[in-house]
Amino acid sequence: MKDFITARQKELLSIIYQYIKDSGFPPTFEEMKQKLGVSSNQSVIDLLAKLEKQGFLKRNESVARSIALLPMAYEVLGQPPLVAFLGITSAGAPIEPIEISGEWRPVSSDAAILSDQVFLLKISGDSMINAGIDDGDVVLVKSEKEFVSGDVVLADTGSEKTIKRFVSEENPPYVYLKPENPKYKIRPITDEMKLVGKVISVLKNGYWKKVE
């Protein structure tokens, strides 16, 4: 992998990484040109195209500042992945996540789950304390489409989102969201609800701990 990336390509990756880390957003063409010391957009376009083809990043050319670094980029740079900190979600009564724009944080975790489909959420509430998720904790969530009974999930109840344990069993209520605090009641899953992510780990005392 490290053999087929040029020094110039690695330099651009480093520029993108540092810019996202410092500002929360990918750099513009003008900002990349200035950092690289080149005068034409085409030079940047060519480097980006090669990095995208080789699997170091992906981008949406129709959207400004849409560059996303992929796991290979972090590996070749020797840097921890940057994960979007999307906002605050509930581990109590459901609340709407509060979006926090322009904030990315380095994350050290299992490389197998790191991708552009992971994000951070700050927890508000105490309904998951027996799963080791306390009020004020930050959790790492991975977007998923399939879940198994026992997963700790981010659920969209319609207009609100909450973190609970997903349970599927043969007896009523069959499929439901279970809090990990006895003072809260279970919530049967309805047609309006959607499971959107699995909680992978929780940040405790500066270290990431797997959520069981």
C-alpha atoms as a PDB file:
ATOM      1  CA  MET A   1       0.000   0.000   0.000  1.00  0.00           C
ATOM      2  CA  LYS A   2       2.660   2.498   1.091  1.00  0.00           C
ATOM      3  CA  ASP A   3       4.722   1.664  -2.014  1.00  0.00           C
ATOM      4  CA  PHE A   4       2.252   3.052  -4.542  1.00  0.00           C
ATOM      5  CA  ILE A   5       1.517   6.401  -2.941  1.00  0.00           C
ATOM      6  CA  THR A   6       3.805   9.198  -4.071  1.00  0.00           C
ATOM      7  CA  ALA A   7       5.318  11.808  -1.779  1.00  0.00           C
ATOM      8  CA  ARG A   8       3.077  14.445  -3.374  1.00  0.00           C
ATOM      9  CA  GLN A   9      -0.063  12.367  -2.856  1.00  0.00           C
ATOM     10  CA  LYS A  10       0.871  11.753   0.772  1.00  0.00           C
ATOM     11  CA  GLU A  11       1.490  15.462   1.224  1.00  0.00           C
ATOM     12  CA  LEU A  12      -2.028  16.241   0.020  1.00  0.00           C
ATOM     13  CA  LEU A  13      -3.506  13.575   2.290  1.00  0.00           C
ATOM     14  CA  SER A  14      -1.669  15.141   5.222  1.00  0.00           C
ATOM     15  CA  ILE A  15      -2.961  18.592   4.268  1.00  0.00           C
ATOM     16  CA  ILE A  16      -6.548  17.320   4.113  1.00  0.00           C
ATOM     17  CA  TYR A  17      -6.209  15.452   7.416  1.00  0.00           C
ATOM     18  CA  GLN A  18      -4.782  18.428   9.293  1.00  0.00           C
ATOM     19  CA  TYR A  19      -7.318  20.830   7.823  1.00  0.00           C
ATOM     20  CA  ILE A  20     -10.265  18.639   8.869  1.00  0.00           C
ATOM     21  CA  LYS A  21      -8.766  18.120  12.319  1.00  0.00           C
ATOM     22  CA  ASP A  22      -8.206  21.855  12.849  1.00  0.00           C
ATOM     23  CA  SER A  23     -11.328  23.315  11.251  1.00  0.00           C
ATOM     24  CA  GLY A  24     -13.892  20.520  11.101  1.00  0.00           C
ATOM     25  CA  PHE A  25     -14.198  20.765   7.312  1.00  0.00           C
ATOM     26  CA  PRO A  26     -12.185  19.541   4.292  1.00  0.00           C
ATOM     27  CA  PRO A  27     -10.166  22.259   2.523  1.00  0.00           C
ATOM     28  CA  THR A  28     -11.326  24.007  -0.650  1.00  0.00           C
ATOM     29  CA  PHE A  29      -9.398  23.760  -3.947  1.00  0.00           C
ATOM     30  CA  GLU A  30      -7.913  27.191  -3.254  1.00  0.00           C
ATOM     31  CA  GLU A  31      -6.743  26.139   0.197  1.00  0.00           C
ATOM     32  CA  MET A  32      -5.222  22.912  -1.150  1.00  0.00           C
ATOM     33  CA  LYS A  33      -3.479  24.851  -3.933  1.00  0.00           C
ATOM     34  CA  GLN A  34      -1.961  27.253  -1.417  1.00  0.00           C
ATOM     35  CA  LYS A  35      -0.741  24.483   0.870  1.00  0.00           C
ATOM     36  CA  LEU A  36       0.733  22.528  -2.052  1.00  0.00           C
ATOM     37  CA  GLY A  37       2.270  25.638  -3.621  1.00  0.00           C
ATOM     38  CA  VAL A  38       0.645  25.104  -7.032  1.00  0.00           C
ATOM     39  CA  SER A  39      -1.204  27.579  -9.252  1.00  0.00           C
ATOM     40  CA  SER A  40      -3.792  25.427 -11.039  1.00  0.00           C
ATOM     41  CA  ASN A  41      -6.864  23.553  -9.891  1.00  0.00           C
ATOM     42  CA  GLN A  42      -5.979  20.774 -12.327  1.00  0.00           C
ATOM     43  CA  SER A  43      -2.942  19.783 -10.279  1.00  0.00           C
ATOM     44  CA  VAL A  44      -5.168  19.282  -7.243  1.00  0.00           C
ATOM     45  CA  ILE A  45      -7.851  17.525  -9.296  1.00  0.00           C
ATOM     46  CA  ASP A  46      -5.320  15.047 -10.681  1.00  0.00           C
ATOM     47  CA  LEU A  47      -3.944  14.227  -7.217  1.00  0.00           C
ATOM     48  CA  LEU A  48      -7.437  13.811  -5.760  1.00  0.00           C
ATOM     49  CA  ALA A  49      -8.485  11.556  -8.649  1.00  0.00           C
ATOM     50  CA  LYS A  50      -5.490   9.291  -8.111  1.00  0.00           C
ATOM     51  CA  LEU A  51      -6.022   9.149  -4.334  1.00  0.00           C
ATOM     52  CA  GLU A  52      -9.698   8.326  -4.847  1.00  0.00           C
ATOM     53  CA  LYS A  53      -8.919   5.595  -7.385  1.00  0.00           C
ATOM     54  CA  GLN A  54      -6.401   4.043  -4.982  1.00  0.00           C
ATOM     55  CA  GLY A  55      -8.923   3.996  -2.118  1.00  0.00           C
ATOM     56  CA  PHE A  56      -7.467   6.708   0.119  1.00  0.00           C
ATOM     57  CA  LEU A  57     -10.458   9.039  -0.027  1.00  0.00           C
ATOM     58  CA  LYS A  58     -13.848   9.561  -1.575  1.00  0.00           C
ATOM     59  CA  ARG A  59     -15.558  12.719  -2.699  1.00  0.00           C
ATOM     60  CA  ASN A  60     -18.756  14.102  -4.171  1.00  0.00           C
ATOM     61  CA  GLU A  61     -17.791  16.532  -6.914  1.00  0.00           C
ATOM     62  CA  SER A  62     -21.232  18.180  -6.858  1.00  0.00           C
ATOM     63  CA  VAL A  63     -20.884  19.168  -3.184  1.00  0.00           C
ATOM     64  CA  ALA A  64     -18.356  21.663  -1.810  1.00  0.00           C
ATOM     65  CA  ARG A  65     -15.924  20.414   0.855  1.00  0.00           C
ATOM     66  CA  SER A  66     -17.122  16.811   0.414  1.00  0.00           C
ATOM     67  CA  ILE A  67     -13.803  14.955   0.774  1.00  0.00           C
ATOM     68  CA  ALA A  68     -13.874  12.012   3.204  1.00  0.00           C
ATOM     69  CA  LEU A  69     -10.696  10.180   4.175  1.00  0.00           C
ATOM     70  CA  LEU A  70     -10.911   6.381   4.148  1.00  0.00           C
ATOM     71  CA  PRO A  71      -9.154   3.905   6.498  1.00  0.00           C
ATOM     72  CA  MET A  72      -6.183   3.449   4.121  1.00  0.00           C
ATOM     73  CA  ALA A  73      -5.420   7.167   4.382  1.00  0.00           C
ATOM     74  CA  TYR A  74      -5.173   7.061   8.161  1.00  0.00           C
ATOM     75  CA  GLU A  75      -2.955   3.996   7.942  1.00  0.00           C
ATOM     76  CA  VAL A  76      -0.503   5.519   5.480  1.00  0.00           C
ATOM     77  CA  LEU A  77      -0.397   8.765   7.486  1.00  0.00           C
ATOM     78  CA  GLY A  78       0.002   6.942  10.788  1.00  0.00           C
ATOM     79  CA  GLN A  79      -2.766   9.076  12.289  1.00  0.00           C
ATOM     80  CA  PRO A  80      -5.920   8.204  14.266  1.00  0.00           C
ATOM     81  CA  PRO A  81      -9.147   8.393  12.263  1.00  0.00           C
ATOM     82  CA  LEU A  82     -11.244  11.536  12.447  1.00  0.00           C
ATOM     83  CA  VAL A  83     -14.876  10.834  13.227  1.00  0.00           C
ATOM     84  CA  ALA A  84     -17.714  13.307  12.858  1.00  0.00           C
ATOM     85  CA  PHE A  85     -19.164  14.448  16.188  1.00  0.00           C
ATOM     86  CA  LEU A  86     -22.811  14.755  15.133  1.00  0.00           C
ATOM     87  CA  GLY A  87     -24.372  15.890  18.374  1.00  0.00           C
ATOM     88  CA  ILE A  88     -26.165  14.909  21.529  1.00  0.00           C
ATOM     89  CA  THR A  89     -28.634  12.042  21.751  1.00  0.00           C
ATOM     90  CA  SER A  90     -30.671  10.591  24.565  1.00  0.00           C
ATOM     91  CA  ALA A  91     -30.297   7.647  26.898  1.00  0.00           C
ATOM     92  CA  GLY A  92     -33.457   8.600  28.722  1.00  0.00           C
ATOM     93  CA  ALA A  93     -36.597  10.081  27.218  1.00  0.00           C
ATOM     94  CA  PRO A  94     -36.008  10.463  23.464  1.00  0.00           C
ATOM     95  CA  ILE A  95     -34.695  13.824  22.315  1.00  0.00           C
ATOM     96  CA  GLU A  96     -33.675  15.179  18.961  1.00  0.00           C
ATOM     97  CA  PRO A  97     -29.881  15.140  18.503  1.00  0.00           C
ATOM     98  CA  ILE A  98     -28.333  18.589  18.644  1.00  0.00           C
ATOM     99  CA  GLU A  99     -26.158  18.982  15.584  1.00  0.00           C
ATOM    100  CA  ILE A 100     -22.674  20.316  16.229  1.00  0.00           C
ATOM    101  CA  SER A 101     -21.275  21.429  12.896  1.00  0.00           C
ATOM    102  CA  GLY A 102     -17.586  21.548  12.137  1.00  0.00           C
ATOM    103  CA  GLU A 103     -16.313  19.333  14.928  1.00  0.00           C
ATOM    104  CA  TRP A 104     -14.271  16.205  14.261  1.00  0.00           C
ATOM    105  CA  ARG A 105     -12.324  14.190  16.816  1.00  0.00           C
ATOM    106  CA  PRO A 106      -9.487  11.681  16.572  1.00  0.00           C
ATOM    107  CA  VAL A 107     -10.577   8.167  17.530  1.00  0.00           C
ATOM    108  CA  SER A 108      -8.458   5.134  18.362  1.00  0.00           C
ATOM    109  CA  SER A 109     -10.565   2.006  17.947  1.00  0.00           C
ATOM    110  CA  ASP A 110     -10.818  -1.283  16.085  1.00  0.00           C
ATOM    111  CA  ALA A 111      -9.671  -0.598  12.510  1.00  0.00           C
ATOM    112  CA  ALA A 112     -12.195  -3.123  11.229  1.00  0.00           C
ATOM    113  CA  ILE A 113     -15.101  -0.832  12.068  1.00  0.00           C
ATOM    114  CA  LEU A 114     -13.571   2.462  11.047  1.00  0.00           C
ATOM    115  CA  SER A 115     -15.111   4.020   7.956  1.00  0.00           C
ATOM    116  CA  ASP A 116     -17.020   7.070   6.838  1.00  0.00           C
ATOM    117  CA  GLN A 117     -20.096   5.400   8.342  1.00  0.00           C
ATOM    118  CA  VAL A 118     -19.107   5.998  11.959  1.00  0.00           C
ATOM    119  CA  PHE A 119     -19.824   9.038  14.094  1.00  0.00           C
ATOM    120  CA  LEU A 120     -19.776  10.228  17.687  1.00  0.00           C
ATOM    121  CA  LEU A 121     -22.705  11.148  19.884  1.00  0.00           C
ATOM    122  CA  LYS A 122     -22.779  12.608  23.373  1.00  0.00           C
ATOM    123  CA  ILE A 123     -25.230  10.920  25.727  1.00  0.00           C
ATOM    124  CA  SER A 124     -27.886  12.777  27.684  1.00  0.00           C
ATOM    125  CA  GLY A 125     -29.726  10.704  30.306  1.00  0.00           C
ATOM    126  CA  ASP A 126     -29.248   7.666  32.533  1.00  0.00           C
ATOM    127  CA  SER A 127     -31.339   4.912  30.953  1.00  0.00           C
ATOM    128  CA  MET A 128     -28.271   2.906  29.838  1.00  0.00           C
ATOM    129  CA  ILE A 129     -26.143   3.069  33.001  1.00  0.00           C
ATOM    130  CA  ASN A 130     -26.170  -0.709  33.516  1.00  0.00           C
ATOM    131  CA  ALA A 131     -24.592  -1.084  30.076  1.00  0.00           C
ATOM    132  CA  GLY A 132     -21.785   1.234  31.144  1.00  0.00           C
ATOM    133  CA  ILE A 133     -23.142   4.261  29.273  1.00  0.00           C
ATOM    134  CA  ASP A 134     -23.590   7.211  31.598  1.00  0.00           C
ATOM    135  CA  ASP A 135     -24.959  10.713  31.251  1.00  0.00           C
ATOM    136  CA  GLY A 136     -22.381  12.868  29.466  1.00  0.00           C
ATOM    137  CA  ASP A 137     -20.464   9.967  27.906  1.00  0.00           C
ATOM    138  CA  VAL A 138     -19.432   9.998  24.241  1.00  0.00           C
ATOM    139  CA  VAL A 139     -20.240   6.882  22.208  1.00  0.00           C
ATOM    140  CA  LEU A 140     -18.977   5.662  18.835  1.00  0.00           C
ATOM    141  CA  VAL A 141     -21.854   4.645  16.549  1.00  0.00           C
ATOM    142  CA  LYS A 142     -21.642   2.734  13.267  1.00  0.00           C
ATOM    143  CA  SER A 143     -24.431   3.028  10.724  1.00  0.00           C
ATOM    144  CA  GLU A 144     -25.956  -0.402  10.130  1.00  0.00           C
ATOM    145  CA  LYS A 145     -28.907  -1.988   8.348  1.00  0.00           C
ATOM    146  CA  GLU A 146     -28.982  -5.337  10.156  1.00  0.00           C
ATOM    147  CA  PHE A 147     -29.131  -5.928  13.902  1.00  0.00           C
ATOM    148  CA  VAL A 148     -29.256  -8.888  16.266  1.00  0.00           C
ATOM    149  CA  SER A 149     -31.001  -9.159  19.603  1.00  0.00           C
ATOM    150  CA  GLY A 150     -28.812  -7.695  22.315  1.00  0.00           C
ATOM    151  CA  ASP A 151     -27.213  -4.961  20.217  1.00  0.00           C
ATOM    152  CA  VAL A 152     -27.110  -1.491  21.770  1.00  0.00           C
ATOM    153  CA  VAL A 153     -28.609   0.684  19.047  1.00  0.00           C
ATOM    154  CA  LEU A 154     -29.381   4.212  18.000  1.00  0.00           C
ATOM    155  CA  ALA A 155     -33.100   4.214  17.223  1.00  0.00           C
ATOM    156  CA  ASP A 156     -35.063   6.813  15.303  1.00  0.00           C
ATOM    157  CA  THR A 157     -38.591   6.918  16.739  1.00  0.00           C
ATOM    158  CA  GLY A 158     -39.879   9.232  14.018  1.00  0.00           C
ATOM    159  CA  SER A 159     -38.857  12.742  14.962  1.00  0.00           C
ATOM    160  CA  GLU A 160     -36.595  11.749  17.851  1.00  0.00           C
ATOM    161  CA  LYS A 161     -33.577   9.516  18.467  1.00  0.00           C
ATOM    162  CA  THR A 162     -32.553   7.478  21.477  1.00  0.00           C
ATOM    163  CA  ILE A 163     -30.018   4.833  22.519  1.00  0.00           C
ATOM    164  CA  LYS A 164     -31.359   1.543  23.904  1.00  0.00           C
ATOM    165  CA  ARG A 165     -30.756  -2.202  23.707  1.00  0.00           C
ATOM    166  CA  PHE A 166     -32.540  -3.952  20.838  1.00  0.00           C
ATOM    167  CA  VAL A 167     -34.359  -7.126  21.903  1.00  0.00           C
ATOM    168  CA  SER A 168     -36.119  -9.671  19.693  1.00  0.00           C
ATOM    169  CA  GLU A 169     -37.780 -12.710  21.304  1.00  0.00           C
ATOM    170  CA  GLU A 170     -40.613 -15.187  20.802  1.00  0.00           C
ATOM    171  CA  ASN A 171     -42.879 -13.792  23.528  1.00  0.00           C
ATOM    172  CA  PRO A 172     -44.805 -10.480  23.590  1.00  0.00           C
ATOM    173  CA  PRO A 173     -43.911  -7.700  23.028  1.00  0.00           C
ATOM    174  CA  TYR A 174     -41.606  -9.675  20.669  1.00  0.00           C
ATOM    175  CA  VAL A 175     -39.436  -6.797  19.397  1.00  0.00           C
ATOM    176  CA  TYR A 176     -38.667  -3.840  21.623  1.00  0.00           C
ATOM    177  CA  LEU A 177     -36.153  -1.315  22.913  1.00  0.00           C
ATOM    178  CA  LYS A 178     -34.901  -2.090  26.398  1.00  0.00           C
ATOM    179  CA  PRO A 179     -33.359   0.492  28.732  1.00  0.00           C
ATOM    180  CA  GLU A 180     -30.510  -0.643  30.980  1.00  0.00           C
ATOM    181  CA  ASN A 181     -31.955   1.069  34.028  1.00  0.00           C
ATOM    182  CA  PRO A 182     -34.936  -0.486  35.884  1.00  0.00           C
ATOM    183  CA  LYS A 183     -36.644   2.868  36.427  1.00  0.00           C
ATOM    184  CA  TYR A 184     -37.398   3.078  32.686  1.00  0.00           C
ATOM    185  CA  LYS A 185     -39.950   1.009  30.765  1.00  0.00           C
ATOM    186  CA  ILE A 186     -39.349  -0.986  27.611  1.00  0.00           C
ATOM    187  CA  ARG A 187     -40.637   0.460  24.331  1.00  0.00           C
ATOM    188  CA  PRO A 188     -42.214  -1.859  21.749  1.00  0.00           C
ATOM    189  CA  ILE A 189     -40.871  -1.176  18.262  1.00  0.00           C
ATOM    190  CA  THR A 190     -43.526   0.229  15.929  1.00  0.00           C
ATOM    191  CA  ASP A 191     -43.653   0.641  12.163  1.00  0.00           C
ATOM    192  CA  GLU A 192     -42.650   4.283  12.613  1.00  0.00           C
ATOM    193  CA  MET A 193     -39.398   3.380  14.349  1.00  0.00           C
ATOM    194  CA  LYS A 194     -36.132   2.665  12.587  1.00  0.00           C
ATOM    195  CA  LEU A 195     -32.820   1.340  13.872  1.00  0.00           C
ATOM    196  CA  VAL A 196     -30.090   3.449  12.298  1.00  0.00           C
ATOM    197  CA  GLY A 197     -26.859   2.490  14.047  1.00  0.00           C
ATOM    198  CA  LYS A 198     -25.063   0.197  16.452  1.00  0.00           C
ATOM    199  CA  VAL A 199     -23.169   1.555  19.448  1.00  0.00           C
ATOM    200  CA  ILE A 200     -19.656   0.140  19.205  1.00  0.00           C
ATOM    201  CA  SER A 201     -17.818   1.672  22.138  1.00  0.00           C
ATOM    202  CA  VAL A 202     -17.978   4.312  24.873  1.00  0.00           C
ATOM    203  CA  LEU A 203     -15.274   6.758  25.908  1.00  0.00           C
ATOM    204  CA  LYS A 204     -14.322   6.250  29.559  1.00  0.00           C
ATOM    205  CA  ASN A 205     -11.472   8.126  31.270  1.00  0.00           C
ATOM    206  CA  GLY A 206      -9.801   8.808  27.943  1.00  0.00           C
ATOM    207  CA  TYR A 207     -10.059   5.198  26.707  1.00  0.00           C
ATOM    208  CA  TRP A 208     -12.528   3.490  24.374  1.00  0.00           C
ATOM    209  CA  LYS A 209     -14.389   0.608  25.991  1.00  0.00           C
ATOM    210  CA  LYS A 210     -16.405  -1.915  23.979  1.00  0.00           C
ATOM    211  CA  VAL A 211     -20.143  -1.831  24.652  1.00  0.00           C
ATOM    212  CA  GLU A 212     -21.549  -5.242  25.502  1.00  0.00           C
END
